[in-house]
Amino acid sequence: MAVVKRVGSSGQIALGKQYAGRDVLVDETQPGVWVIKVGRFVPESERWLHEPNTRATIGRAIDWAEENPPFETNLDELEARLKE
């Protein structure tokens, strides 16, 4: 569905209340032609978490943590082992 909107004096376009608070990607495919997509976007500082090798490493770590529940450490025993 095509809708005509007017860009306000502040340079903004209202998309409607149903999109309030949502992230959108505005892609200018050529001058004056925009494609707007609603979605979830990853901040640059977190993109490394989504790289294939990193995701695999995190997946293995989660699997290990699920199979090895935490337990209470005897600090005296740990100290003795560290002194060896």
PDB file of N, CA and C in Angstrom:
ATOM      1  N   MET A   1       0.847  -1.174   0.000  1.00  0.00           N
ATOM      2  CA  MET A   1       0.000   0.000   0.000  1.00  0.00           C
ATOM      3  C   MET A   1       0.895   1.241   0.000  1.00  0.00           C
ATOM      4  N   ALA A   2       0.726   2.094  -0.936  1.00  0.00           N
ATOM      5  CA  ALA A   2       1.482   3.340  -1.031  1.00  0.00           C
ATOM      6  C   ALA A   2       0.728   4.451  -0.316  1.00  0.00           C
ATOM      7  N   VAL A   3       1.453   5.257   0.422  1.00  0.00           N
ATOM      8  CA  VAL A   3       0.868   6.379   1.148  1.00  0.00           C
ATOM      9  C   VAL A   3       1.745   7.598   0.899  1.00  0.00           C
ATOM     10  N   VAL A   4       1.133   8.733   0.669  1.00  0.00           N
ATOM     11  CA  VAL A   4       1.878   9.969   0.490  1.00  0.00           C
ATOM     12  C   VAL A   4       2.020  10.645   1.850  1.00  0.00           C
ATOM     13  N   LYS A   5       3.244  10.954   2.224  1.00  0.00           N
ATOM     14  CA  LYS A   5       3.536  11.647   3.475  1.00  0.00           C
ATOM     15  C   LYS A   5       4.296  12.927   3.138  1.00  0.00           C
ATOM     16  N   ARG A   6       4.204  13.921   4.000  1.00  0.00           N
ATOM     17  CA  ARG A   6       4.953  15.159   3.816  1.00  0.00           C
ATOM     18  C   ARG A   6       6.064  15.210   4.861  1.00  0.00           C
ATOM     19  N   VAL A   7       7.265  15.549   4.412  1.00  0.00           N
ATOM     20  CA  VAL A   7       8.381  15.737   5.329  1.00  0.00           C
ATOM     21  C   VAL A   7       8.171  17.077   6.019  1.00  0.00           C
ATOM     22  N   GLY A   8       8.145  17.061   7.342  1.00  0.00           N
ATOM     23  CA  GLY A   8       7.919  18.280   8.103  1.00  0.00           C
ATOM     24  C   GLY A   8       9.112  19.216   8.066  1.00  0.00           C
ATOM     25  N   SER A   9       8.930  20.413   8.597  1.00  0.00           N
ATOM     26  CA  SER A   9       9.996  21.427   8.578  1.00  0.00           C
ATOM     27  C   SER A   9      11.228  20.979   9.369  1.00  0.00           C
ATOM     28  N   SER A  10      11.052  20.020  10.290  1.00  0.00           N
ATOM     29  CA  SER A  10      12.196  19.509  11.064  1.00  0.00           C
ATOM     30  C   SER A  10      12.873  18.334  10.359  1.00  0.00           C
ATOM     31  N   GLY A  11      12.345  17.939   9.190  1.00  0.00           N
ATOM     32  CA  GLY A  11      12.938  16.849   8.433  1.00  0.00           C
ATOM     33  C   GLY A  11      12.404  15.487   8.828  1.00  0.00           C
ATOM     34  N   GLN A  12      11.304  15.423   9.563  1.00  0.00           N
ATOM     35  CA  GLN A  12      10.759  14.152  10.036  1.00  0.00           C
ATOM     36  C   GLN A  12       9.537  13.723   9.242  1.00  0.00           C
ATOM     37  N   ILE A  13       9.325  12.402   9.212  1.00  0.00           N
ATOM     38  CA  ILE A  13       8.129  11.809   8.608  1.00  0.00           C
ATOM     39  C   ILE A  13       7.480  10.947   9.679  1.00  0.00           C
ATOM     40  N   ALA A  14       6.190  11.097   9.888  1.00  0.00           N
ATOM     41  CA  ALA A  14       5.462  10.262  10.848  1.00  0.00           C
ATOM     42  C   ALA A  14       5.018   8.987  10.145  1.00  0.00           C
ATOM     43  N   LEU A  15       5.368   7.849  10.707  1.00  0.00           N
ATOM     44  CA  LEU A  15       4.988   6.565  10.109  1.00  0.00           C
ATOM     45  C   LEU A  15       3.719   5.994  10.736  1.00  0.00           C
ATOM     46  N   GLY A  16       3.324   6.512  11.880  1.00  0.00           N
ATOM     47  CA  GLY A  16       2.131   6.018  12.561  1.00  0.00           C
ATOM     48  C   GLY A  16       2.471   5.464  13.932  1.00  0.00           C
ATOM     49  N   LYS A  17       1.483   5.510  14.815  1.00  0.00           N
ATOM     50  CA  LYS A  17       1.702   5.080  16.198  1.00  0.00           C
ATOM     51  C   LYS A  17       2.080   3.607  16.311  1.00  0.00           C
ATOM     52  N   GLN A  18       1.672   2.788  15.356  1.00  0.00           N
ATOM     53  CA  GLN A  18       1.996   1.361  15.431  1.00  0.00           C
ATOM     54  C   GLN A  18       3.501   1.110  15.344  1.00  0.00           C
ATOM     55  N   TYR A  19       4.252   2.108  14.890  1.00  0.00           N
ATOM     56  CA  TYR A  19       5.707   1.970  14.786  1.00  0.00           C
ATOM     57  C   TYR A  19       6.448   2.746  15.879  1.00  0.00           C
ATOM     58  N   ALA A  20       5.713   3.348  16.790  1.00  0.00           N
ATOM     59  CA  ALA A  20       6.340   4.150  17.851  1.00  0.00           C
ATOM     60  C   ALA A  20       7.305   3.284  18.659  1.00  0.00           C
ATOM     61  N   GLY A  21       8.519   3.776  18.853  1.00  0.00           N
ATOM     62  CA  GLY A  21       9.525   3.084  19.641  1.00  0.00           C
ATOM     63  C   GLY A  21      10.238   1.959  18.921  1.00  0.00           C
ATOM     64  N   ARG A  22       9.862   1.685  17.685  1.00  0.00           N
ATOM     65  CA  ARG A  22      10.496   0.594  16.931  1.00  0.00           C
ATOM     66  C   ARG A  22      11.705   1.125  16.170  1.00  0.00           C
ATOM     67  N   ASP A  23      12.647   0.247  15.903  1.00  0.00           N
ATOM     68  CA  ASP A  23      13.799   0.601  15.079  1.00  0.00           C
ATOM     69  C   ASP A  23      13.445   0.388  13.616  1.00  0.00           C
ATOM     70  N   VAL A  24      13.893   1.297  12.771  1.00  0.00           N
ATOM     71  CA  VAL A  24      13.689   1.144  11.335  1.00  0.00           C
ATOM     72  C   VAL A  24      15.005   1.383  10.616  1.00  0.00           C
ATOM     73  N   LEU A  25      15.177   0.707   9.515  1.00  0.00           N
ATOM     74  CA  LEU A  25      16.323   0.904   8.640  1.00  0.00           C
ATOM     75  C   LEU A  25      15.834   1.729   7.466  1.00  0.00           C
ATOM     76  N   VAL A  26      16.469   2.853   7.209  1.00  0.00           N
ATOM     77  CA  VAL A  26      16.130   3.696   6.071  1.00  0.00           C
ATOM     78  C   VAL A  26      17.278   3.563   5.077  1.00  0.00           C
ATOM     79  N   ASP A  27      16.995   2.958   3.949  1.00  0.00           N
ATOM     80  CA  ASP A  27      18.003   2.712   2.919  1.00  0.00           C
ATOM     81  C   ASP A  27      17.703   3.600   1.726  1.00  0.00           C
ATOM     82  N   GLU A  28      18.623   4.500   1.418  1.00  0.00           N
ATOM     83  CA  GLU A  28      18.450   5.364   0.237  1.00  0.00           C
ATOM     84  C   GLU A  28      19.090   4.639  -0.938  1.00  0.00           C
ATOM     85  N   THR A  29      18.264   3.999  -1.752  1.00  0.00           N
ATOM     86  CA  THR A  29      18.764   3.193  -2.860  1.00  0.00           C
ATOM     87  C   THR A  29      19.294   4.033  -4.011  1.00  0.00           C
ATOM     88  N   GLN A  30      18.753   5.229  -4.134  1.00  0.00           N
ATOM     89  CA  GLN A  30      19.245   6.231  -5.073  1.00  0.00           C
ATOM     90  C   GLN A  30      18.705   7.567  -4.561  1.00  0.00           C
ATOM     91  N   PRO A  31      19.236   8.682  -5.027  1.00  0.00           N
ATOM     92  CA  PRO A  31      18.781   9.969  -4.499  1.00  0.00           C
ATOM     93  C   PRO A  31      17.256  10.113  -4.562  1.00  0.00           C
ATOM     94  N   GLY A  32      16.650  10.322  -3.390  1.00  0.00           N
ATOM     95  CA  GLY A  32      15.209  10.523  -3.320  1.00  0.00           C
ATOM     96  C   GLY A  32      14.380   9.243  -3.280  1.00  0.00           C
ATOM     97  N   VAL A  33      15.022   8.074  -3.303  1.00  0.00           N
ATOM     98  CA  VAL A  33      14.296   6.797  -3.238  1.00  0.00           C
ATOM     99  C   VAL A  33      14.718   6.078  -1.965  1.00  0.00           C
ATOM    100  N   TRP A  34      13.766   5.912  -1.055  1.00  0.00           N
ATOM    101  CA  TRP A  34      14.057   5.300   0.238  1.00  0.00           C
ATOM    102  C   TRP A  34      13.255   4.023   0.416  1.00  0.00           C
ATOM    103  N   VAL A  35      13.880   3.046   1.004  1.00  0.00           N
ATOM    104  CA  VAL A  35      13.202   1.822   1.419  1.00  0.00           C
ATOM    105  C   VAL A  35      13.303   1.796   2.940  1.00  0.00           C
ATOM    106  N   ILE A  36      12.143   1.701   3.611  1.00  0.00           N
ATOM    107  CA  ILE A  36      12.109   1.715   5.075  1.00  0.00           C
ATOM    108  C   ILE A  36      11.694   0.325   5.546  1.00  0.00           C
ATOM    109  N   LYS A  37      12.527  -0.279   6.407  1.00  0.00           N
ATOM    110  CA  LYS A  37      12.239  -1.613   6.926  1.00  0.00           C
ATOM    111  C   LYS A  37      12.243  -1.577   8.451  1.00  0.00           C
ATOM    112  N   VAL A  38      11.218  -2.170   9.051  1.00  0.00           N
ATOM    113  CA  VAL A  38      11.157  -2.310  10.506  1.00  0.00           C
ATOM    114  C   VAL A  38      11.957  -3.552  10.884  1.00  0.00           C
ATOM    115  N   GLY A  39      12.716  -3.486  11.944  1.00  0.00           N
ATOM    116  CA  GLY A  39      13.476  -4.661  12.362  1.00  0.00           C
ATOM    117  C   GLY A  39      14.264  -4.421  13.623  1.00  0.00           C
ATOM    118  N   ARG A  40      15.025  -5.435  13.983  1.00  0.00           N
ATOM    119  CA  ARG A  40      15.950  -5.343  15.114  1.00  0.00           C
ATOM    120  C   ARG A  40      17.347  -5.206  14.523  1.00  0.00           C
ATOM    121  N   PHE A  41      18.111  -4.290  15.057  1.00  0.00           N
ATOM    122  CA  PHE A  41      19.423  -4.030  14.499  1.00  0.00           C
ATOM    123  C   PHE A  41      20.476  -4.175  15.581  1.00  0.00           C
ATOM    124  N   VAL A  42      21.628  -4.664  15.202  1.00  0.00           N
ATOM    125  CA  VAL A  42      22.705  -4.937  16.137  1.00  0.00           C
ATOM    126  C   VAL A  42      23.653  -3.741  16.175  1.00  0.00           C
ATOM    127  N   PRO A  43      23.899  -3.194  17.373  1.00  0.00           N
ATOM    128  CA  PRO A  43      24.866  -2.096  17.472  1.00  0.00           C
ATOM    129  C   PRO A  43      26.253  -2.559  17.020  1.00  0.00           C
ATOM    130  N   GLU A  44      27.032  -1.667  16.456  1.00  0.00           N
ATOM    131  CA  GLU A  44      28.366  -2.024  15.974  1.00  0.00           C
ATOM    132  C   GLU A  44      29.220  -2.641  17.062  1.00  0.00           C
ATOM    133  N   SER A  45      29.092  -2.150  18.293  1.00  0.00           N
ATOM    134  CA  SER A  45      29.912  -2.668  19.385  1.00  0.00           C
ATOM    135  C   SER A  45      29.568  -4.107  19.749  1.00  0.00           C
ATOM    136  N   GLU A  46      28.440  -4.629  19.247  1.00  0.00           N
ATOM    137  CA  GLU A  46      28.032  -6.001  19.551  1.00  0.00           C
ATOM    138  C   GLU A  46      28.068  -6.916  18.332  1.00  0.00           C
ATOM    139  N   ARG A  47      28.482  -6.404  17.207  1.00  0.00           N
ATOM    140  CA  ARG A  47      28.471  -7.219  15.985  1.00  0.00           C
ATOM    141  C   ARG A  47      29.412  -8.408  16.063  1.00  0.00           C
ATOM    142  N   TRP A  48      30.511  -8.279  16.778  1.00  0.00           N
ATOM    143  CA  TRP A  48      31.470  -9.376  16.893  1.00  0.00           C
ATOM    144  C   TRP A  48      30.816 -10.615  17.491  1.00  0.00           C
ATOM    145  N   LEU A  49      29.781 -10.419  18.315  1.00  0.00           N
ATOM    146  CA  LEU A  49      29.086 -11.554  18.930  1.00  0.00           C
ATOM    147  C   LEU A  49      28.337 -12.398  17.904  1.00  0.00           C
ATOM    148  N   HIS A  50      28.040 -11.828  16.758  1.00  0.00           N
ATOM    149  CA  HIS A  50      27.252 -12.514  15.740  1.00  0.00           C
ATOM    150  C   HIS A  50      28.102 -13.095  14.614  1.00  0.00           C
ATOM    151  N   GLU A  51      29.414 -12.974  14.718  1.00  0.00           N
ATOM    152  CA  GLU A  51      30.287 -13.579  13.719  1.00  0.00           C
ATOM    153  C   GLU A  51      30.265 -15.089  13.908  1.00  0.00           C
ATOM    154  N   PRO A  52      30.329 -15.867  12.825  1.00  0.00           N
ATOM    155  CA  PRO A  52      30.179 -17.325  12.926  1.00  0.00           C
ATOM    156  C   PRO A  52      31.106 -17.991  13.946  1.00  0.00           C
ATOM    157  N   ASN A  53      32.377 -17.641  13.952  1.00  0.00           N
ATOM    158  CA  ASN A  53      33.311 -18.278  14.898  1.00  0.00           C
ATOM    159  C   ASN A  53      32.969 -17.941  16.334  1.00  0.00           C
ATOM    160  N   THR A  54      32.608 -16.678  16.569  1.00  0.00           N
ATOM    161  CA  THR A  54      32.264 -16.256  17.926  1.00  0.00           C
ATOM    162  C   THR A  54      30.978 -16.927  18.374  1.00  0.00           C
ATOM    163  N   ARG A  55      29.984 -16.986  17.509  1.00  0.00           N
ATOM    164  CA  ARG A  55      28.718 -17.653  17.855  1.00  0.00           C
ATOM    165  C   ARG A  55      28.953 -19.115  18.195  1.00  0.00           C
ATOM    166  N   ALA A  56      29.835 -19.777  17.435  1.00  0.00           N
ATOM    167  CA  ALA A  56      30.129 -21.187  17.706  1.00  0.00           C
ATOM    168  C   ALA A  56      30.802 -21.343  19.066  1.00  0.00           C
ATOM    169  N   THR A  57      31.744 -20.455  19.364  1.00  0.00           N
ATOM    170  CA  THR A  57      32.441 -20.508  20.654  1.00  0.00           C
ATOM    171  C   THR A  57      31.463 -20.280  21.804  1.00  0.00           C
ATOM    172  N   ILE A  58      30.601 -19.301  21.655  1.00  0.00           N
ATOM    173  CA  ILE A  58      29.600 -19.017  22.687  1.00  0.00           C
ATOM    174  C   ILE A  58      28.656 -20.210  22.839  1.00  0.00           C
ATOM    175  N   GLY A  59      28.266 -20.818  21.740  1.00  0.00           N
ATOM    176  CA  GLY A  59      27.399 -21.994  21.793  1.00  0.00           C
ATOM    177  C   GLY A  59      28.041 -23.135  22.558  1.00  0.00           C
ATOM    178  N   ARG A  60      29.340 -23.385  22.306  1.00  0.00           N
ATOM    179  CA  ARG A  60      30.049 -24.438  23.039  1.00  0.00           C
ATOM    180  C   ARG A  60      30.138 -24.107  24.518  1.00  0.00           C
ATOM    181  N   ALA A  61      30.372 -22.835  24.829  1.00  0.00           N
ATOM    182  CA  ALA A  61      30.455 -22.421  26.235  1.00  0.00           C
ATOM    183  C   ALA A  61      29.116 -22.612  26.947  1.00  0.00           C
ATOM    184  N   ILE A  62      28.036 -22.286  26.274  1.00  0.00           N
ATOM    185  CA  ILE A  62      26.705 -22.471  26.870  1.00  0.00           C
ATOM    186  C   ILE A  62      26.422 -23.952  27.074  1.00  0.00           C
ATOM    187  N   ASP A  63      26.760 -24.786  26.078  1.00  0.00           N
ATOM    188  CA  ASP A  63      26.574 -26.234  26.223  1.00  0.00           C
ATOM    189  C   ASP A  63      27.353 -26.759  27.427  1.00  0.00           C
ATOM    190  N   TRP A  64      28.620 -26.332  27.558  1.00  0.00           N
ATOM    191  CA  TRP A  64      29.447 -26.772  28.685  1.00  0.00           C
ATOM    192  C   TRP A  64      28.821 -26.341  30.010  1.00  0.00           C
ATOM    193  N   ALA A  65      28.368 -25.085  30.089  1.00  0.00           N
ATOM    194  CA  ALA A  65      27.787 -24.566  31.323  1.00  0.00           C
ATOM    195  C   ALA A  65      26.511 -25.328  31.701  1.00  0.00           C
ATOM    196  N   GLU A  66      25.732 -25.739  30.708  1.00  0.00           N
ATOM    197  CA  GLU A  66      24.512 -26.494  30.994  1.00  0.00           C
ATOM    198  C   GLU A  66      24.825 -27.894  31.506  1.00  0.00           C
ATOM    199  N   GLU A  67      25.947 -28.466  31.052  1.00  0.00           N
ATOM    200  CA  GLU A  67      26.336 -29.813  31.468  1.00  0.00           C
ATOM    201  C   GLU A  67      27.174 -29.815  32.743  1.00  0.00           C
ATOM    202  N   ASN A  68      27.682 -28.679  33.161  1.00  0.00           N
ATOM    203  CA  ASN A  68      28.554 -28.567  34.331  1.00  0.00           C
ATOM    204  C   ASN A  68      28.027 -27.497  35.271  1.00  0.00           C
ATOM    205  N   PRO A  69      27.040 -27.857  36.089  1.00  0.00           N
ATOM    206  CA  PRO A  69      26.458 -26.848  36.982  1.00  0.00           C
ATOM    207  C   PRO A  69      27.484 -26.342  37.984  1.00  0.00           C
ATOM    208  N   PRO A  70      27.308 -25.124  38.466  1.00  0.00           N
ATOM    209  CA  PRO A  70      28.258 -24.574  39.440  1.00  0.00           C
ATOM    210  C   PRO A  70      28.189 -25.359  40.757  1.00  0.00           C
ATOM    211  N   PHE A  71      29.305 -25.336  41.471  1.00  0.00           N
ATOM    212  CA  PHE A  71      29.346 -25.986  42.779  1.00  0.00           C
ATOM    213  C   PHE A  71      30.177 -25.130  43.713  1.00  0.00           C
ATOM    214  N   GLU A  72      29.967 -25.342  44.999  1.00  0.00           N
ATOM    215  CA  GLU A  72      30.682 -24.551  45.998  1.00  0.00           C
ATOM    216  C   GLU A  72      32.142 -24.981  46.035  1.00  0.00           C
ATOM    217  N   THR A  73      33.038 -24.028  46.080  1.00  0.00           N
ATOM    218  CA  THR A  73      34.467 -24.286  46.107  1.00  0.00           C
ATOM    219  C   THR A  73      34.972 -24.279  47.544  1.00  0.00           C
ATOM    220  N   ASN A  74      35.757 -25.287  47.865  1.00  0.00           N
ATOM    221  CA  ASN A  74      36.446 -25.320  49.154  1.00  0.00           C
ATOM    222  C   ASN A  74      37.714 -24.491  48.971  1.00  0.00           C
ATOM    223  N   LEU A  75      37.742 -23.301  49.558  1.00  0.00           N
ATOM    224  CA  LEU A  75      38.857 -22.371  49.320  1.00  0.00           C
ATOM    225  C   LEU A  75      40.159 -22.878  49.913  1.00  0.00           C
ATOM    226  N   ASP A  76      40.100 -23.591  51.035  1.00  0.00           N
ATOM    227  CA  ASP A  76      41.329 -24.145  51.616  1.00  0.00           C
ATOM    228  C   ASP A  76      41.942 -25.182  50.686  1.00  0.00           C
ATOM    229  N   GLU A  77      41.104 -26.025  50.112  1.00  0.00           N
ATOM    230  CA  GLU A  77      41.574 -27.039  49.174  1.00  0.00           C
ATOM    231  C   GLU A  77      42.137 -26.385  47.910  1.00  0.00           C
ATOM    232  N   LEU A  78      41.483 -25.362  47.422  1.00  0.00           N
ATOM    233  CA  LEU A  78      41.955 -24.643  46.246  1.00  0.00           C
ATOM    234  C   LEU A  78      43.310 -23.994  46.515  1.00  0.00           C
ATOM    235  N   GLU A  79      43.443 -23.370  47.660  1.00  0.00           N
ATOM    236  CA  GLU A  79      44.717 -22.728  48.014  1.00  0.00           C
ATOM    237  C   GLU A  79      45.838 -23.759  48.082  1.00  0.00           C
ATOM    238  N   ALA A  80      45.561 -24.906  48.656  1.00  0.00           N
ATOM    239  CA  ALA A  80      46.577 -25.970  48.744  1.00  0.00           C
ATOM    240  C   ALA A  80      46.981 -26.431  47.350  1.00  0.00           C
ATOM    241  N   ARG A  81      46.015 -26.578  46.456  1.00  0.00           N
ATOM    242  CA  ARG A  81      46.334 -27.020  45.077  1.00  0.00           C
ATOM    243  C   ARG A  81      47.162 -25.977  44.347  1.00  0.00           C
ATOM    244  N   LEU A  82      46.877 -24.699  44.598  1.00  0.00           N
ATOM    245  CA  LEU A  82      47.624 -23.639  43.927  1.00  0.00           C
ATOM    246  C   LEU A  82      49.056 -23.528  44.412  1.00  0.00           C
ATOM    247  N   LYS A  83      49.287 -23.910  45.658  1.00  0.00           N
ATOM    248  CA  LYS A  83      50.644 -23.843  46.221  1.00  0.00           C
ATOM    249  C   LYS A  83      51.523 -24.985  45.740  1.00  0.00           C
ATOM    250  N   GLU A  84      50.924 -26.041  45.206  1.00  0.00           N
ATOM    251  CA  GLU A  84      51.696 -27.206  44.730  1.00  0.00           C
ATOM    252  C   GLU A  84      52.515 -26.880  43.511  1.00  0.00           C
TER     253      GLU A  84
END
